[in-house]
C-alpha atoms as a PDB file:
ATOM      1  CA  CYS A   1     110.204  59.091 -30.593  1.00  0.00           C
ATOM      2  CA  CYS A   2     108.560  57.136 -27.801  1.00  0.00           C
ATOM      3  CA  GLN A   3     107.132  53.679 -27.638  1.00  0.00           C
ATOM      4  CA  LYS A   4     103.497  53.458 -26.374  1.00  0.00           C
ATOM      5  CA  THR A   5     102.997  51.431 -23.206  1.00  0.00           C
ATOM      6  CA  MET A   6      99.823  49.415 -23.330  1.00  0.00           C
ATOM      7  CA  SER A   7      98.625  46.957 -20.799  1.00  0.00           C
ATOM      8  CA  LYS A   8      95.460  45.165 -19.578  1.00  0.00           C
ATOM      9  CA  THR A   9      96.626  45.907 -16.032  1.00  0.00           C
ATOM     10  CA  ILE A  10      98.473  48.632 -14.305  1.00  0.00           C
ATOM     11  CA  ASP A  11     101.642  47.426 -12.586  1.00  0.00           C
ATOM     12  CA  LYS A  12     102.690  50.755 -11.268  1.00  0.00           C
ATOM     13  CA  LEU A  13      99.781  52.944 -10.208  1.00  0.00           C
ATOM     14  CA  ILE A  14     101.824  55.863  -8.818  1.00  0.00           C
ATOM     15  CA  ILE A  15     103.799  57.322 -11.728  1.00  0.00           C
ATOM     16  CA  ASN A  16     104.198  61.023 -10.692  1.00  0.00           C
ATOM     17  CA  LYS A  17     106.003  62.586  -7.766  1.00  0.00           C
ATOM     18  CA  PRO A  18     103.758  64.198  -5.034  1.00  0.00           C
ATOM     19  CA  TYR A  19     105.710  67.472  -4.966  1.00  0.00           C
ATOM     20  CA  GLU A  20     105.522  68.216  -8.759  1.00  0.00           C
ATOM     21  CA  GLU A  21     102.772  68.713 -11.320  1.00  0.00           C
ATOM     22  CA  PRO A  22     101.786  65.445 -12.882  1.00  0.00           C
ATOM     23  CA  SER A  23     103.546  64.735 -16.134  1.00  0.00           C
ATOM     24  CA  ARG A  24     101.953  61.414 -17.142  1.00  0.00           C
ATOM     25  CA  HIS A  25      98.780  59.511 -16.578  1.00  0.00           C
ATOM     26  CA  TRP A  26      97.089  56.217 -17.327  1.00  0.00           C
ATOM     27  CA  THR A  27      94.444  56.513 -20.212  1.00  0.00           C
ATOM     28  CA  TYR A  28      91.826  53.811 -20.441  1.00  0.00           C
ATOM     29  CA  ILE A  29      91.079  52.570 -23.945  1.00  0.00           C
ATOM     30  CA  PRO A  30      87.532  51.189 -23.830  1.00  0.00           C
ATOM     31  CA  GLU A  31      87.661  49.439 -27.221  1.00  0.00           C
ATOM     32  CA  THR A  32      90.729  47.202 -26.187  1.00  0.00           C
ATOM     33  CA  GLN A  33      90.032  47.365 -22.431  1.00  0.00           C
ATOM     34  CA  GLU A  34      93.717  48.388 -22.028  1.00  0.00           C
ATOM     35  CA  PHE A  35      95.437  51.133 -20.227  1.00  0.00           C
ATOM     36  CA  GLU A  36      98.008  53.395 -22.027  1.00  0.00           C
ATOM     37  CA  LEU A  37     100.754  55.456 -20.319  1.00  0.00           C
ATOM     38  CA  SER A  38     100.134  58.999 -21.767  1.00  0.00           C
ATOM     39  CA  GLU A  39     102.193  62.120 -21.413  1.00  0.00           C
ATOM     40  CA  GLY A  40     100.749  65.267 -19.757  1.00  0.00           C
ATOM     41  CA  ARG A  41      98.169  65.919 -17.161  1.00  0.00           C
ATOM     42  CA  ARG A  42      94.860  63.921 -17.227  1.00  0.00           C
ATOM     43  CA  LYS A  43      91.808  66.042 -18.045  1.00  0.00           C
ATOM     44  CA  ALA A  44      89.637  66.932 -15.072  1.00  0.00           C
ATOM     45  CA  GLY A  45      86.563  64.859 -14.867  1.00  0.00           C
ATOM     46  CA  TYR A  46      84.888  61.566 -13.710  1.00  0.00           C
ATOM     47  CA  TYR A  47      83.381  58.360 -14.925  1.00  0.00           C
ATOM     48  CA  ARG A  48      79.786  57.429 -14.844  1.00  0.00           C
ATOM     49  CA  ALA A  49      77.887  54.359 -15.938  1.00  0.00           C
ATOM     50  CA  SER A  50      77.398  54.177 -19.684  1.00  0.00           C
ATOM     51  CA  LYS A  51      74.120  55.051 -21.171  1.00  0.00           C
ATOM     52  CA  SER A  52      74.398  51.911 -23.296  1.00  0.00           C
ATOM     53  CA  LYS A  53      72.600  48.726 -22.418  1.00  0.00           C
ATOM     54  CA  ARG A  54      75.884  47.141 -21.402  1.00  0.00           C
ATOM     55  CA  VAL A  55      75.992  46.851 -17.727  1.00  0.00           C
ATOM     56  CA  GLY A  56      78.413  44.982 -15.370  1.00  0.00           C
ATOM     57  CA  PRO A  57      82.126  44.522 -15.113  1.00  0.00           C
ATOM     58  CA  ASP A  58      82.719  44.910 -18.828  1.00  0.00           C
ATOM     59  CA  ASP A  59      81.052  48.343 -18.844  1.00  0.00           C
ATOM     60  CA  PRO A  60      83.895  50.855 -18.887  1.00  0.00           C
ATOM     61  CA  GLY A  61      81.504  53.712 -18.205  1.00  0.00           C
ATOM     62  CA  GLU A  62      81.865  57.118 -19.862  1.00  0.00           C
ATOM     63  CA  PHE A  63      84.276  59.956 -19.081  1.00  0.00           C
ATOM     64  CA  VAL A  64      82.550  63.358 -18.258  1.00  0.00           C
ATOM     65  CA  GLU A  65      85.019  66.267 -18.609  1.00  0.00           C
ATOM     66  CA  ILE A  66      84.648  68.983 -16.123  1.00  0.00           C
ATOM     67  CA  LYS A  67      85.285  71.966 -18.532  1.00  0.00           C
ATOM     68  CA  LEU A  68      85.158  74.634 -15.891  1.00  0.00           C
ATOM     69  CA  VAL A  69      88.280  73.195 -14.281  1.00  0.00           C
ATOM     70  CA  GLU A  70      90.013  73.037 -17.678  1.00  0.00           C
ATOM     71  CA  GLN A  71      89.170  76.763 -18.104  1.00  0.00           C
ATOM     72  CA  ILE A  72      90.424  77.753 -14.617  1.00  0.00           C
ATOM     73  CA  ARG A  73      93.720  75.711 -14.332  1.00  0.00           C
ATOM     74  CA  PRO A  74      95.634  77.607 -17.040  1.00  0.00           C
ATOM     75  CA  ARG A  75      94.489  81.024 -15.608  1.00  0.00           C
ATOM     76  CA  VAL A  76      95.534  80.177 -12.054  1.00  0.00           C
ATOM     77  CA  ARG A  77      98.900  79.030 -13.486  1.00  0.00           C
ATOM     78  CA  LYS A  78      99.447  82.202 -15.372  1.00  0.00           C
ATOM     79  CA  TRP A  79      98.360  84.353 -12.384  1.00  0.00           C
ATOM     80  CA  SER A  80     100.666  82.384 -10.098  1.00  0.00           C
ATOM     81  CA  GLU A  81     103.572  82.859 -12.469  1.00  0.00           C
ATOM     82  CA  ALA A  82     102.878  86.610 -12.519  1.00  0.00           C
ATOM     83  CA  GLY A  83     103.380  86.746  -8.725  1.00  0.00           C
ATOM     84  CA  TYR A  84      99.678  86.657  -7.670  1.00  0.00           C
ATOM     85  CA  PRO A  85      98.592  90.199  -8.799  1.00  0.00           C
ATOM     86  CA  GLY A  86      95.789  91.657  -6.619  1.00  0.00           C
ATOM     87  CA  VAL A  87      96.216  89.568  -3.499  1.00  0.00           C
ATOM     88  CA  THR A  88      96.487  91.165  -0.104  1.00  0.00           C
ATOM     89  CA  GLY A  89      99.734  91.374   1.658  1.00  0.00           C
ATOM     90  CA  VAL A  90      98.645  88.653   4.123  1.00  0.00           C
ATOM     91  CA  THR A  91      97.952  86.304   1.214  1.00  0.00           C
ATOM     92  CA  LYS A  92     101.228  87.109  -0.473  1.00  0.00           C
ATOM     93  CA  LYS A  93     103.160  86.381   2.843  1.00  0.00           C
ATOM     94  CA  LEU A  94     101.179  83.031   3.273  1.00  0.00           C
ATOM     95  CA  LEU A  95     101.877  81.889  -0.238  1.00  0.00           C
ATOM     96  CA  SER A  96     105.579  82.714   0.246  1.00  0.00           C
ATOM     97  CA  TYR A  97     105.587  80.759   3.562  1.00  0.00           C
ATOM     98  CA  TRP A  98     103.810  77.796   2.069  1.00  0.00           C
ATOM     99  CA  TYR A  99     106.222  77.501  -0.806  1.00  0.00           C
ATOM    100  CA  ASP A 100     109.316  77.849   1.473  1.00  0.00           C
ATOM    101  CA  GLU A 101     110.511  74.199   1.770  1.00  0.00           C
ATOM    102  CA  ASP A 102     112.872  75.264   4.489  1.00  0.00           C
ATOM    103  CA  ALA A 103     109.877  76.322   6.753  1.00  0.00           C
ATOM    104  CA  ARG A 104     108.827  72.747   7.508  1.00  0.00           C
ATOM    105  CA  ASP A 105     110.187  69.149   7.607  1.00  0.00           C
ATOM    106  CA  LEU A 106     108.180  68.082   4.483  1.00  0.00           C
ATOM    107  CA  PRO A 107     106.925  70.362   1.702  1.00  0.00           C
ATOM    108  CA  PHE A 108     103.287  70.579   0.897  1.00  0.00           C
ATOM    109  CA  PHE A 109     102.079  68.293  -1.924  1.00  0.00           C
ATOM    110  CA  TRP A 110     101.856  69.957  -5.267  1.00  0.00           C
ATOM    111  CA  CYS A 111      98.081  69.361  -5.442  1.00  0.00           C
ATOM    112  CA  GLN A 112      97.587  71.110  -2.019  1.00  0.00           C
ATOM    113  CA  LEU A 113      99.295  74.232  -3.339  1.00  0.00           C
ATOM    114  CA  GLU A 114      97.447  74.158  -6.604  1.00  0.00           C
ATOM    115  CA  ALA A 115      94.156  73.959  -4.622  1.00  0.00           C
ATOM    116  CA  ILE A 116      94.927  76.766  -2.244  1.00  0.00           C
ATOM    117  CA  GLU A 117      96.031  78.901  -5.116  1.00  0.00           C
ATOM    118  CA  THR A 118      92.698  78.120  -6.995  1.00  0.00           C
ATOM    119  CA  ALA A 119      90.719  79.117  -3.959  1.00  0.00           C
ATOM    120  CA  ILE A 120      92.632  82.269  -3.546  1.00  0.00           C
ATOM    121  CA  TRP A 121      92.356  83.092  -7.289  1.00  0.00           C
ATOM    122  CA  LEU A 122      88.588  82.695  -7.148  1.00  0.00           C
ATOM    123  CA  THR A 123      88.434  85.086  -4.252  1.00  0.00           C
ATOM    124  CA  GLU A 124      91.237  87.586  -4.761  1.00  0.00           C
ATOM    125  CA  ALA A 125      92.123  87.688  -8.485  1.00  0.00           C
ATOM    126  CA  SER A 126      90.713  90.723 -10.351  1.00  0.00           C
ATOM    127  CA  PRO A 127      87.432  90.357 -12.225  1.00  0.00           C
ATOM    128  CA  ALA A 128      89.468  90.764 -15.450  1.00  0.00           C
ATOM    129  CA  GLU A 129      91.421  87.587 -14.566  1.00  0.00           C
ATOM    130  CA  LYS A 130      88.079  85.725 -14.245  1.00  0.00           C
ATOM    131  CA  GLN A 131      86.447  87.082 -17.364  1.00  0.00           C
ATOM    132  CA  GLY A 132      84.226  84.388 -18.878  1.00  0.00           C
ATOM    133  CA  ILE A 133      84.355  82.060 -15.861  1.00  0.00           C
ATOM    134  CA  GLU A 134      80.894  81.347 -14.615  1.00  0.00           C
ATOM    135  CA  ILE A 135      80.778  79.534 -11.231  1.00  0.00           C
ATOM    136  CA  PRO A 136      77.297  77.954 -10.738  1.00  0.00           C
ATOM    137  CA  LYS A 137      75.207  79.457  -8.034  1.00  0.00           C
ATOM    138  CA  ASP A 138      72.596  77.918  -5.746  1.00  0.00           C
ATOM    139  CA  GLY A 139      70.309  80.857  -5.098  1.00  0.00           C
ATOM    140  CA  GLU A 140      72.619  83.614  -3.608  1.00  0.00           C
ATOM    141  CA  TRP A 141      75.451  81.123  -2.794  1.00  0.00           C
ATOM    142  CA  GLU A 142      78.283  80.414  -5.161  1.00  0.00           C
ATOM    143  CA  ARG A 143      79.301  76.779  -5.201  1.00  0.00           C
ATOM    144  CA  GLN A 144      83.037  76.147  -5.170  1.00  0.00           C
ATOM    145  CA  CYS A 145      84.581  72.655  -4.881  1.00  0.00           C
ATOM    146  CA  LEU A 146      88.160  71.515  -4.668  1.00  0.00           C
ATOM    147  CA  LYS A 147      88.382  67.903  -5.651  1.00  0.00           C
ATOM    148  CA  MET A 148      91.330  65.939  -4.350  1.00  0.00           C
ATOM    149  CA  ALA A 149      92.047  62.162  -4.433  1.00  0.00           C
ATOM    150  CA  THR A 150      92.342  60.039  -1.266  1.00  0.00           C
ATOM    151  CA  GLY A 151      95.603  60.543   0.506  1.00  0.00           C
ATOM    152  CA  THR A 152      96.459  63.889  -1.051  1.00  0.00           C
ATOM    153  CA  GLY A 153      96.072  65.990   2.042  1.00  0.00           C
ATOM    154  CA  LYS A 154      92.517  67.465   2.150  1.00  0.00           C
ATOM    155  CA  THR A 155      92.658  68.023   5.939  1.00  0.00           C
ATOM    156  CA  VAL A 156      95.891  70.018   5.471  1.00  0.00           C
ATOM    157  CA  LEU A 157      94.196  72.025   2.700  1.00  0.00           C
ATOM    158  CA  MET A 158      91.351  72.779   4.995  1.00  0.00           C
ATOM    159  CA  ALA A 159      93.898  74.173   7.659  1.00  0.00           C
ATOM    160  CA  LEU A 160      95.434  76.343   4.852  1.00  0.00           C
ATOM    161  CA  LEU A 161      92.026  77.732   3.769  1.00  0.00           C
ATOM    162  CA  ILE A 162      91.143  78.548   7.426  1.00  0.00           C
ATOM    163  CA  ALA A 163      94.513  80.239   7.962  1.00  0.00           C
ATOM    164  CA  TRP A 164      94.189  82.217   4.789  1.00  0.00           C
ATOM    165  CA  GLN A 165      90.546  83.377   5.517  1.00  0.00           C
ATOM    166  CA  ALA A 166      91.113  83.953   9.286  1.00  0.00           C
ATOM    167  CA  LEU A 167      94.409  85.874   9.041  1.00  0.00           C
ATOM    168  CA  ASN A 168      92.987  88.090   6.183  1.00  0.00           C
ATOM    169  CA  LYS A 169      89.800  88.791   8.187  1.00  0.00           C
ATOM    170  CA  LEU A 170      91.964  89.901  11.219  1.00  0.00           C
ATOM    171  CA  SER A 171      93.966  92.112   9.055  1.00  0.00           C
ATOM    172  CA  TYR A 172      91.145  93.407   6.888  1.00  0.00           C
ATOM    173  CA  PRO A 173      87.987  93.248   9.148  1.00  0.00           C
ATOM    174  CA  LYS A 174      85.727  95.068   6.680  1.00  0.00           C
ATOM    175  CA  ASP A 175      86.754  93.025   3.570  1.00  0.00           C
ATOM    176  CA  ILE A 176      83.676  90.916   2.782  1.00  0.00           C
ATOM    177  CA  ARG A 177      85.842  88.359   0.819  1.00  0.00           C
ATOM    178  CA  PHE A 178      86.994  86.948   4.062  1.00  0.00           C
ATOM    179  CA  SER A 179      85.136  85.217   6.855  1.00  0.00           C
ATOM    180  CA  LYS A 180      85.606  85.224  10.662  1.00  0.00           C
ATOM    181  CA  ASN A 181      83.371  82.219  10.917  1.00  0.00           C
ATOM    182  CA  ILE A 182      84.316  78.831   9.702  1.00  0.00           C
ATOM    183  CA  LEU A 183      82.005  75.739   9.576  1.00  0.00           C
ATOM    184  CA  ILE A 184      83.350  72.375   8.768  1.00  0.00           C
ATOM    185  CA  VAL A 185      80.822  69.588   7.813  1.00  0.00           C
ATOM    186  CA  ALA A 186      82.360  66.154   7.454  1.00  0.00           C
ATOM    187  CA  PRO A 187      80.905  62.657   7.215  1.00  0.00           C
ATOM    188  CA  GLY A 188      80.951  60.406  10.292  1.00  0.00           C
END
């Protein structure tokens, strides 16, 4: 069917459109120190220094998969495709507005919409939807993180999160899932 593209260097780093789910990614092959153009979305994770004695520029590091993200992604997709069951009327209107490309000059990036959907799913989806998902806690606080690459619109995502929380709190003041107070902590 398809010929594999292998290379020691990447001549075209951006291979997906920003308004669509990624359909290809570069895979690093440590044994040959080459990159392979692979179909599908890259697994969620990060690289850390290898535990081997090999250190320096030839150490490719080791990939650590974030399994929790891989559990959550398909559930959010299924929930989204089902029309967001269980969300408030305010949330439903916001999602409709955010997906309306005629409502603004430029549509939101796909990763921004996936991130806001994930935050909403974690808060508003029914417990049955989240069965088996264990978000780590730090004492009484649940730790949630939305990881996005440089240039993908994290500041815009913060605005979407604030609008979602604030508008829901105004409409449903006794709903403890929503906050009237927002604290932003940023470096610098």
